[in-house]
């Protein structure tokens, strides 16, 4: 009888151990998790091709923003000039940072980390083929990135404004 109890006990232990799930911490699983978290190139970025040369595209955008009483240019960055200052070459690449606190502040009140992406930025850049592009963050991507809720009206206004600014700059 004692033998059956021991065998039964061993059988129970084997059954319990067979039903245990193991967490797979292999390198493959870790690599897949990292890939799922990576932001792919151009995700959340809207890019339009300009019908104008680089300087005209840039100057037109500066003029449009400057003449809009709701917008204020915060900074202008010339990446090409910065690269040249350390003896490196870069195709024409400039950023205009601008904002409207009446629109940006409600987004930051909803999710303060949105301040990482505000004020708005538009990148004017020329590729190796001489094509001039205008790129900016898609407000819908910022909504997802910063988990912004209940601000559809503000995001719609920002989307339309960025679309109009980029269309004006590119001449499309």
N, C-alpha and C. Protein backbone atom coordinates (compact mmCIF):
# COMPACT_ATOMS: atom_id res chain seq x y z
N UNK A 1 0.83 -1.18 0.00
CA UNK A 1 0.00 0.00 0.00
C UNK A 1 0.87 1.24 0.00
N UNK A 2 1.94 1.23 0.77
CA UNK A 2 2.85 2.37 0.84
C UNK A 2 3.48 2.63 -0.52
N UNK A 3 3.72 1.56 -1.28
CA UNK A 3 4.31 1.70 -2.61
C UNK A 3 3.36 2.46 -3.53
N UNK A 4 2.05 2.14 -3.46
CA UNK A 4 1.06 2.84 -4.29
C UNK A 4 0.95 4.32 -3.93
N UNK A 5 1.08 4.62 -2.63
CA UNK A 5 1.03 6.02 -2.20
C UNK A 5 2.22 6.79 -2.74
N UNK A 6 3.40 6.18 -2.70
CA UNK A 6 4.61 6.83 -3.20
C UNK A 6 4.50 7.03 -4.71
N UNK A 7 4.03 5.97 -5.42
CA UNK A 7 3.87 6.07 -6.87
C UNK A 7 2.81 7.13 -7.23
N UNK A 8 1.74 7.16 -6.48
CA UNK A 8 0.69 8.15 -6.71
C UNK A 8 1.21 9.56 -6.49
N UNK A 9 1.98 9.72 -5.42
CA UNK A 9 2.56 11.02 -5.12
C UNK A 9 3.52 11.45 -6.22
N UNK A 10 4.38 10.53 -6.71
CA UNK A 10 5.30 10.84 -7.80
C UNK A 10 4.53 11.18 -9.08
N UNK A 11 3.45 10.42 -9.35
CA UNK A 11 2.63 10.69 -10.54
C UNK A 11 2.02 12.10 -10.46
N UNK A 12 1.55 12.47 -9.29
CA UNK A 12 0.97 13.80 -9.09
C UNK A 12 2.02 14.89 -9.33
N UNK A 13 3.21 14.71 -8.83
CA UNK A 13 4.29 15.68 -9.03
C UNK A 13 4.64 15.81 -10.50
N UNK A 14 4.71 14.68 -11.22
CA UNK A 14 5.02 14.69 -12.64
C UNK A 14 3.93 15.43 -13.40
N UNK A 15 2.68 15.18 -13.08
CA UNK A 15 1.56 15.83 -13.76
C UNK A 15 1.58 17.34 -13.52
N UNK A 16 1.83 17.73 -12.30
CA UNK A 16 1.88 19.16 -11.98
C UNK A 16 3.03 19.82 -12.72
N UNK A 17 4.16 19.19 -12.75
CA UNK A 17 5.32 19.79 -13.40
C UNK A 17 5.14 19.85 -14.92
N UNK A 18 4.40 18.92 -15.49
CA UNK A 18 4.15 18.94 -16.93
C UNK A 18 3.19 20.06 -17.32
N UNK A 19 2.37 20.49 -16.41
CA UNK A 19 1.40 21.53 -16.70
C UNK A 19 1.93 22.94 -16.45
N UNK A 20 3.14 23.04 -15.99
CA UNK A 20 3.71 24.35 -15.74
C UNK A 20 4.14 24.99 -17.05
N UNK A 21 3.80 26.26 -17.22
CA UNK A 21 4.25 26.96 -18.43
C UNK A 21 5.53 27.70 -18.09
N UNK A 22 6.39 27.75 -19.07
CA UNK A 22 7.65 28.45 -18.88
C UNK A 22 7.64 29.73 -19.68
N UNK A 23 8.16 30.76 -19.09
CA UNK A 23 8.28 32.03 -19.80
C UNK A 23 9.49 31.95 -20.71
N UNK A 24 9.26 32.21 -21.98
CA UNK A 24 10.34 32.15 -22.95
C UNK A 24 11.09 33.48 -22.92
N UNK A 25 12.29 33.44 -22.43
CA UNK A 25 13.11 34.66 -22.37
C UNK A 25 14.27 34.57 -23.35
N UNK A 26 14.06 33.79 -24.40
CA UNK A 26 15.14 33.63 -25.37
C UNK A 26 15.44 34.95 -26.06
N UNK A 27 16.58 35.00 -26.66
CA UNK A 27 17.00 36.21 -27.36
C UNK A 27 16.04 36.54 -28.51
N UNK A 28 15.49 35.50 -29.17
CA UNK A 28 14.54 35.73 -30.27
C UNK A 28 13.31 36.48 -29.78
N UNK A 29 12.78 36.09 -28.65
CA UNK A 29 11.59 36.75 -28.11
C UNK A 29 11.91 38.18 -27.73
N UNK A 30 13.07 38.41 -27.11
CA UNK A 30 13.47 39.75 -26.73
C UNK A 30 13.66 40.63 -27.97
N UNK A 31 14.27 40.08 -29.00
CA UNK A 31 14.49 40.84 -30.23
C UNK A 31 13.16 41.21 -30.87
N UNK A 32 12.21 40.27 -30.91
CA UNK A 32 10.90 40.56 -31.49
C UNK A 32 10.19 41.65 -30.71
N UNK A 33 10.28 41.64 -29.40
CA UNK A 33 9.65 42.67 -28.59
C UNK A 33 10.26 44.03 -28.88
N UNK A 34 11.57 44.09 -29.04
CA UNK A 34 12.23 45.35 -29.35
C UNK A 34 11.81 45.86 -30.71
N UNK A 35 11.68 44.96 -31.68
CA UNK A 35 11.27 45.38 -33.02
C UNK A 35 9.86 45.93 -33.01
N UNK A 36 8.97 45.35 -32.21
CA UNK A 36 7.60 45.84 -32.13
C UNK A 36 7.54 47.24 -31.54
N UNK A 37 8.51 47.62 -30.70
CA UNK A 37 8.51 48.92 -30.06
C UNK A 37 9.16 49.99 -30.92
N UNK A 38 9.94 49.60 -31.91
CA UNK A 38 10.66 50.58 -32.71
C UNK A 38 9.70 51.36 -33.60
N UNK A 39 9.97 52.62 -33.74
CA UNK A 39 9.21 53.45 -34.67
C UNK A 39 9.90 53.35 -36.02
N UNK A 40 9.14 53.00 -37.02
CA UNK A 40 9.74 52.84 -38.34
C UNK A 40 9.97 54.20 -38.98
N UNK A 41 10.87 54.23 -39.92
CA UNK A 41 11.19 55.47 -40.63
C UNK A 41 9.92 56.01 -41.27
N UNK A 42 9.70 57.29 -41.09
CA UNK A 42 8.59 58.03 -41.68
C UNK A 42 7.24 57.74 -41.02
N UNK A 43 7.19 56.89 -40.01
CA UNK A 43 5.93 56.66 -39.32
C UNK A 43 5.50 57.94 -38.61
N UNK A 44 4.30 58.38 -38.90
CA UNK A 44 3.80 59.58 -38.25
C UNK A 44 4.29 60.87 -38.85
N UNK A 45 4.93 60.79 -40.01
CA UNK A 45 5.47 61.99 -40.66
C UNK A 45 4.78 62.17 -42.01
N UNK A 46 4.32 63.37 -42.26
CA UNK A 46 3.73 63.72 -43.55
C UNK A 46 4.79 64.48 -44.34
N UNK A 47 5.03 64.05 -45.56
CA UNK A 47 6.01 64.70 -46.42
C UNK A 47 5.36 65.06 -47.75
N UNK A 48 5.60 66.28 -48.19
CA UNK A 48 5.11 66.76 -49.48
C UNK A 48 6.29 67.24 -50.31
N UNK A 49 6.22 66.98 -51.60
CA UNK A 49 7.26 67.41 -52.52
C UNK A 49 6.93 68.81 -53.00
N UNK A 50 7.92 69.67 -52.96
CA UNK A 50 7.72 71.05 -53.37
C UNK A 50 7.88 71.22 -54.88
N UNK A 51 7.10 72.14 -55.43
CA UNK A 51 7.26 72.49 -56.84
C UNK A 51 8.26 73.63 -57.00
N UNK A 52 8.82 74.08 -55.87
CA UNK A 52 9.75 75.21 -55.86
C UNK A 52 11.15 74.73 -55.48
N UNK A 53 12.13 75.61 -55.68
CA UNK A 53 13.48 75.28 -55.22
C UNK A 53 13.54 75.41 -53.69
N UNK A 54 14.66 75.02 -53.13
CA UNK A 54 14.79 75.00 -51.68
C UNK A 54 14.56 76.37 -51.04
N UNK A 55 15.29 77.38 -51.52
CA UNK A 55 15.20 78.72 -50.91
C UNK A 55 13.80 79.30 -51.03
N UNK A 56 13.17 79.13 -52.17
CA UNK A 56 11.81 79.66 -52.34
C UNK A 56 10.81 78.95 -51.43
N UNK A 57 10.97 77.64 -51.31
CA UNK A 57 10.08 76.88 -50.42
C UNK A 57 10.24 77.37 -48.98
N UNK A 58 11.49 77.47 -48.55
CA UNK A 58 11.77 77.90 -47.17
C UNK A 58 11.27 79.33 -46.93
N UNK A 59 11.63 80.24 -47.82
CA UNK A 59 11.23 81.64 -47.63
C UNK A 59 9.72 81.83 -47.67
N UNK A 60 9.05 81.07 -48.52
CA UNK A 60 7.59 81.15 -48.58
C UNK A 60 6.98 80.70 -47.26
N UNK A 61 7.50 79.61 -46.70
CA UNK A 61 6.97 79.12 -45.42
C UNK A 61 7.21 80.14 -44.31
N UNK A 62 8.38 80.71 -44.25
CA UNK A 62 8.68 81.74 -43.24
C UNK A 62 7.70 82.91 -43.39
N UNK A 63 7.47 83.33 -44.62
CA UNK A 63 6.56 84.45 -44.87
C UNK A 63 5.12 84.12 -44.45
N UNK A 64 4.67 82.92 -44.79
CA UNK A 64 3.30 82.52 -44.42
C UNK A 64 3.13 82.51 -42.91
N UNK A 65 4.09 81.94 -42.20
CA UNK A 65 4.00 81.87 -40.74
C UNK A 65 4.08 83.27 -40.13
N UNK A 66 5.02 84.06 -40.62
CA UNK A 66 5.21 85.42 -40.10
C UNK A 66 3.96 86.28 -40.28
N UNK A 67 3.27 86.10 -41.39
CA UNK A 67 2.08 86.90 -41.68
C UNK A 67 0.81 86.36 -41.05
N UNK A 68 0.89 85.26 -40.33
CA UNK A 68 -0.28 84.71 -39.65
C UNK A 68 -0.27 85.20 -38.20
N UNK A 69 -1.25 86.01 -37.81
CA UNK A 69 -1.25 86.58 -36.45
C UNK A 69 -1.40 85.53 -35.34
N UNK A 70 -1.82 84.32 -35.69
CA UNK A 70 -1.99 83.26 -34.69
C UNK A 70 -0.72 82.46 -34.44
N UNK A 71 0.26 82.65 -35.30
CA UNK A 71 1.49 81.85 -35.21
C UNK A 71 2.69 82.73 -34.90
N UNK A 72 3.65 82.11 -34.21
CA UNK A 72 4.89 82.81 -33.89
C UNK A 72 6.06 81.87 -34.14
N UNK A 73 7.05 82.34 -34.90
CA UNK A 73 8.26 81.55 -35.11
C UNK A 73 9.08 81.60 -33.83
N UNK A 74 9.42 80.43 -33.34
CA UNK A 74 10.19 80.29 -32.11
C UNK A 74 11.69 80.19 -32.42
N UNK A 75 12.01 79.42 -33.46
CA UNK A 75 13.41 79.21 -33.82
C UNK A 75 13.51 78.73 -35.27
N UNK A 76 14.66 78.97 -35.85
CA UNK A 76 14.98 78.46 -37.18
C UNK A 76 16.35 77.80 -37.09
N UNK A 77 16.42 76.57 -37.54
CA UNK A 77 17.67 75.81 -37.48
C UNK A 77 18.15 75.49 -38.88
N UNK A 78 19.40 75.78 -39.15
CA UNK A 78 20.00 75.48 -40.45
C UNK A 78 21.00 74.34 -40.23
N UNK A 79 20.53 73.13 -40.46
CA UNK A 79 21.38 71.95 -40.24
C UNK A 79 22.55 71.90 -41.21
N UNK A 80 22.35 72.39 -42.41
CA UNK A 80 23.43 72.40 -43.40
C UNK A 80 24.57 73.31 -42.92
N UNK A 81 24.22 74.48 -42.42
CA UNK A 81 25.24 75.40 -41.91
C UNK A 81 25.93 74.82 -40.68
N UNK A 82 25.18 74.16 -39.82
CA UNK A 82 25.79 73.53 -38.64
C UNK A 82 26.76 72.44 -39.05
N UNK A 83 26.39 71.65 -40.06
CA UNK A 83 27.30 70.60 -40.55
C UNK A 83 28.56 71.23 -41.13
N UNK A 84 28.40 72.30 -41.91
CA UNK A 84 29.56 72.97 -42.51
C UNK A 84 30.50 73.53 -41.45
N UNK A 85 29.95 73.91 -40.30
CA UNK A 85 30.79 74.48 -39.24
C UNK A 85 31.76 73.47 -38.65
N UNK A 86 31.51 72.19 -38.90
CA UNK A 86 32.44 71.14 -38.44
C UNK A 86 32.99 70.36 -39.64
N UNK A 87 33.05 71.05 -40.79
CA UNK A 87 33.62 70.50 -42.02
C UNK A 87 32.93 69.23 -42.52
N UNK A 88 31.61 69.19 -42.36
CA UNK A 88 30.82 68.08 -42.90
C UNK A 88 29.83 68.62 -43.92
N UNK A 89 29.46 67.77 -44.84
CA UNK A 89 28.51 68.18 -45.88
C UNK A 89 27.13 67.61 -45.58
N UNK A 90 26.12 68.42 -45.88
CA UNK A 90 24.74 67.99 -45.73
C UNK A 90 23.92 68.76 -46.76
N UNK A 91 23.01 68.06 -47.41
CA UNK A 91 22.11 68.74 -48.34
C UNK A 91 21.35 69.81 -47.58
N UNK A 92 20.82 70.81 -48.27
CA UNK A 92 20.04 71.84 -47.58
C UNK A 92 18.96 71.22 -46.69
N UNK A 93 19.00 71.59 -45.41
CA UNK A 93 18.08 71.03 -44.41
C UNK A 93 17.86 72.08 -43.34
N UNK A 94 16.62 72.56 -43.23
CA UNK A 94 16.30 73.56 -42.21
C UNK A 94 15.00 73.20 -41.51
N UNK A 95 14.93 73.62 -40.26
CA UNK A 95 13.72 73.41 -39.46
C UNK A 95 13.20 74.77 -39.01
N UNK A 96 11.90 74.92 -39.13
CA UNK A 96 11.24 76.10 -38.58
C UNK A 96 10.36 75.61 -37.42
N UNK A 97 10.63 76.14 -36.24
CA UNK A 97 9.81 75.83 -35.06
C UNK A 97 8.87 77.00 -34.83
N UNK A 98 7.60 76.70 -34.69
CA UNK A 98 6.62 77.76 -34.53
C UNK A 98 5.46 77.23 -33.69
N UNK A 99 4.67 78.14 -33.18
CA UNK A 99 3.57 77.66 -32.37
C UNK A 99 2.43 78.63 -32.23
N UNK A 100 1.38 78.09 -31.63
CA UNK A 100 0.19 78.83 -31.26
C UNK A 100 -0.21 78.29 -29.89
N UNK A 101 0.12 79.00 -28.81
CA UNK A 101 -0.17 78.50 -27.46
C UNK A 101 -1.64 78.18 -27.22
N UNK A 102 -2.54 78.84 -27.96
CA UNK A 102 -3.97 78.56 -27.78
C UNK A 102 -4.31 77.14 -28.23
N UNK A 103 -3.52 76.58 -29.13
CA UNK A 103 -3.75 75.22 -29.59
C UNK A 103 -2.84 74.21 -28.91
N UNK A 104 -1.60 74.57 -28.69
CA UNK A 104 -0.65 73.64 -28.08
C UNK A 104 -0.90 73.40 -26.60
N UNK A 105 -1.29 74.45 -25.89
CA UNK A 105 -1.47 74.32 -24.44
C UNK A 105 -2.54 73.29 -24.08
N UNK A 106 -3.72 73.29 -24.72
CA UNK A 106 -4.71 72.27 -24.38
C UNK A 106 -4.21 70.84 -24.59
N UNK A 107 -3.35 70.63 -25.59
CA UNK A 107 -2.79 69.30 -25.79
C UNK A 107 -1.87 68.92 -24.64
N UNK A 108 -1.07 69.88 -24.19
CA UNK A 108 -0.16 69.61 -23.06
C UNK A 108 -0.92 69.48 -21.75
N UNK A 109 -2.03 70.18 -21.61
CA UNK A 109 -2.86 70.03 -20.41
C UNK A 109 -3.43 68.61 -20.36
N UNK A 110 -3.71 68.06 -21.52
CA UNK A 110 -4.26 66.71 -21.62
C UNK A 110 -3.18 65.66 -21.39
N UNK A 111 -2.00 65.90 -21.94
CA UNK A 111 -0.87 64.98 -21.81
C UNK A 111 0.40 65.81 -21.87
N UNK A 112 0.95 66.10 -20.71
CA UNK A 112 2.05 67.06 -20.62
C UNK A 112 3.28 66.65 -21.42
N UNK A 113 3.47 65.35 -21.65
CA UNK A 113 4.63 64.92 -22.42
C UNK A 113 4.54 65.32 -23.89
N UNK A 114 3.38 65.83 -24.32
CA UNK A 114 3.25 66.35 -25.67
C UNK A 114 4.23 67.50 -25.89
N UNK A 115 4.66 68.12 -24.81
CA UNK A 115 5.65 69.19 -24.88
C UNK A 115 6.95 68.75 -25.53
N UNK A 116 7.21 67.45 -25.60
CA UNK A 116 8.38 66.97 -26.32
C UNK A 116 8.28 67.26 -27.81
N UNK A 117 7.06 67.32 -28.33
CA UNK A 117 6.85 67.53 -29.76
C UNK A 117 6.31 68.92 -30.09
N UNK A 118 6.20 69.76 -29.09
CA UNK A 118 5.74 71.13 -29.32
C UNK A 118 6.85 72.08 -28.91
N UNK A 119 6.99 73.22 -29.53
CA UNK A 119 6.14 73.75 -30.58
C UNK A 119 6.25 72.90 -31.85
N UNK A 120 5.33 73.18 -32.77
CA UNK A 120 5.33 72.48 -34.05
C UNK A 120 6.64 72.75 -34.78
N UNK A 121 7.00 71.79 -35.63
CA UNK A 121 8.21 71.92 -36.44
C UNK A 121 7.89 71.50 -37.86
N UNK A 122 8.44 72.22 -38.80
CA UNK A 122 8.38 71.80 -40.20
C UNK A 122 9.81 71.75 -40.71
N UNK A 123 10.14 70.63 -41.33
CA UNK A 123 11.46 70.40 -41.90
C UNK A 123 11.40 70.62 -43.41
N UNK A 124 12.27 71.46 -43.91
CA UNK A 124 12.43 71.65 -45.35
C UNK A 124 13.78 71.03 -45.68
N UNK A 125 13.77 70.09 -46.62
CA UNK A 125 15.01 69.38 -46.94
C UNK A 125 15.06 69.00 -48.40
N UNK A 126 16.29 68.95 -48.89
CA UNK A 126 16.53 68.61 -50.29
C UNK A 126 17.28 67.29 -50.34
N UNK A 127 16.77 66.35 -51.11
CA UNK A 127 17.42 65.05 -51.17
C UNK A 127 18.58 65.06 -52.18
N UNK A 128 19.23 63.92 -52.34
CA UNK A 128 20.39 63.81 -53.22
C UNK A 128 20.06 64.06 -54.69
N UNK A 129 18.79 63.93 -55.05
CA UNK A 129 18.36 64.16 -56.44
C UNK A 129 17.89 65.59 -56.68
N UNK A 130 18.03 66.45 -55.66
CA UNK A 130 17.62 67.84 -55.80
C UNK A 130 16.14 68.08 -55.53
N UNK A 131 15.42 67.05 -55.12
CA UNK A 131 13.99 67.18 -54.83
C UNK A 131 13.83 67.84 -53.46
N UNK A 132 13.02 68.88 -53.41
CA UNK A 132 12.78 69.61 -52.16
C UNK A 132 11.52 69.06 -51.51
N UNK A 133 11.63 68.74 -50.22
CA UNK A 133 10.54 68.15 -49.46
C UNK A 133 10.20 69.02 -48.26
N UNK A 134 8.95 68.93 -47.84
CA UNK A 134 8.48 69.58 -46.62
C UNK A 134 7.86 68.48 -45.76
N UNK A 135 8.37 68.31 -44.54
CA UNK A 135 7.90 67.23 -43.66
C UNK A 135 7.51 67.79 -42.30
N UNK A 136 6.51 67.14 -41.70
CA UNK A 136 6.07 67.51 -40.36
C UNK A 136 5.39 66.33 -39.69
N UNK A 137 5.28 66.39 -38.37
CA UNK A 137 4.62 65.34 -37.60
C UNK A 137 3.12 65.37 -37.85
N UNK A 138 2.55 64.22 -38.13
CA UNK A 138 1.11 64.08 -38.28
C UNK A 138 0.47 64.22 -36.90
N UNK A 139 -0.43 65.17 -36.70
CA UNK A 139 -1.07 65.33 -35.39
C UNK A 139 -1.78 64.06 -34.91
N UNK A 140 -2.27 63.24 -35.82
CA UNK A 140 -2.91 61.98 -35.40
C UNK A 140 -1.88 61.03 -34.78
N UNK A 141 -0.65 61.07 -35.27
CA UNK A 141 0.41 60.26 -34.68
C UNK A 141 0.75 60.78 -33.28
N UNK A 142 0.79 62.11 -33.15
CA UNK A 142 1.06 62.69 -31.82
C UNK A 142 -0.05 62.30 -30.85
N UNK A 143 -1.27 62.27 -31.32
CA UNK A 143 -2.40 61.86 -30.48
C UNK A 143 -2.15 60.45 -29.92
N UNK A 144 -1.75 59.55 -30.79
CA UNK A 144 -1.47 58.17 -30.36
C UNK A 144 -0.23 58.11 -29.48
N UNK A 145 0.81 58.79 -29.89
CA UNK A 145 2.09 58.75 -29.16
C UNK A 145 1.94 59.23 -27.73
N UNK A 146 1.16 60.31 -27.55
CA UNK A 146 1.05 60.92 -26.23
C UNK A 146 -0.28 60.61 -25.53
N UNK A 147 -1.07 59.71 -26.16
CA UNK A 147 -2.35 59.30 -25.60
C UNK A 147 -3.25 60.50 -25.28
N UNK A 148 -3.36 61.40 -26.23
CA UNK A 148 -4.19 62.59 -26.09
C UNK A 148 -5.65 62.17 -26.29
N UNK A 149 -6.51 62.59 -25.39
CA UNK A 149 -7.92 62.24 -25.47
C UNK A 149 -8.78 63.50 -25.46
N UNK A 150 -9.94 63.38 -26.07
CA UNK A 150 -10.97 64.43 -26.04
C UNK A 150 -10.48 65.78 -26.60
N UNK A 151 -9.59 65.76 -27.56
CA UNK A 151 -9.10 67.01 -28.16
C UNK A 151 -9.18 66.94 -29.68
N UNK A 152 -10.17 66.23 -30.20
CA UNK A 152 -10.32 66.07 -31.64
C UNK A 152 -10.44 67.42 -32.36
N UNK A 153 -11.17 68.36 -31.73
CA UNK A 153 -11.35 69.66 -32.36
C UNK A 153 -10.03 70.39 -32.53
N UNK A 154 -9.19 70.35 -31.51
CA UNK A 154 -7.88 71.01 -31.57
C UNK A 154 -6.98 70.30 -32.60
N UNK A 155 -6.98 68.99 -32.58
CA UNK A 155 -6.15 68.23 -33.51
C UNK A 155 -6.59 68.46 -34.96
N UNK A 156 -7.87 68.60 -35.18
CA UNK A 156 -8.37 68.88 -36.52
C UNK A 156 -7.90 70.26 -37.00
N UNK A 157 -7.96 71.25 -36.13
CA UNK A 157 -7.49 72.59 -36.49
C UNK A 157 -5.99 72.56 -36.81
N UNK A 158 -5.22 71.87 -35.98
CA UNK A 158 -3.77 71.78 -36.21
C UNK A 158 -3.48 71.05 -37.51
N UNK A 159 -4.19 69.97 -37.78
CA UNK A 159 -3.98 69.21 -39.02
C UNK A 159 -4.25 70.07 -40.24
N UNK A 160 -5.35 70.81 -40.21
CA UNK A 160 -5.68 71.68 -41.34
C UNK A 160 -4.66 72.80 -41.50
N UNK A 161 -4.21 73.36 -40.39
CA UNK A 161 -3.22 74.43 -40.45
C UNK A 161 -1.90 73.93 -41.04
N UNK A 162 -1.43 72.78 -40.58
CA UNK A 162 -0.18 72.23 -41.11
C UNK A 162 -0.31 71.87 -42.59
N UNK A 163 -1.47 71.36 -42.96
CA UNK A 163 -1.71 71.04 -44.37
C UNK A 163 -1.66 72.32 -45.20
N UNK A 164 -2.33 73.36 -44.74
CA UNK A 164 -2.34 74.63 -45.48
C UNK A 164 -0.96 75.28 -45.55
N UNK A 165 -0.23 75.24 -44.43
CA UNK A 165 1.12 75.81 -44.44
C UNK A 165 2.02 75.07 -45.43
N UNK A 166 1.96 73.75 -45.39
CA UNK A 166 2.83 72.97 -46.28
C UNK A 166 2.42 73.11 -47.74
N UNK A 167 1.12 73.20 -48.00
CA UNK A 167 0.67 73.42 -49.38
C UNK A 167 1.12 74.78 -49.88
N UNK A 168 1.01 75.80 -49.05
CA UNK A 168 1.47 77.14 -49.44
C UNK A 168 2.95 77.17 -49.72
N UNK A 169 3.74 76.50 -48.86
CA UNK A 169 5.20 76.50 -49.03
C UNK A 169 5.63 75.74 -50.27
N UNK A 170 4.94 74.64 -50.57
CA UNK A 170 5.34 73.80 -51.69
C UNK A 170 4.73 74.23 -53.02
N UNK A 171 3.70 75.05 -52.97
CA UNK A 171 3.05 75.49 -54.20
C UNK A 171 2.15 74.43 -54.80
N UNK A 172 1.70 73.49 -53.98
CA UNK A 172 0.79 72.45 -54.51
C UNK A 172 -0.64 72.67 -54.06
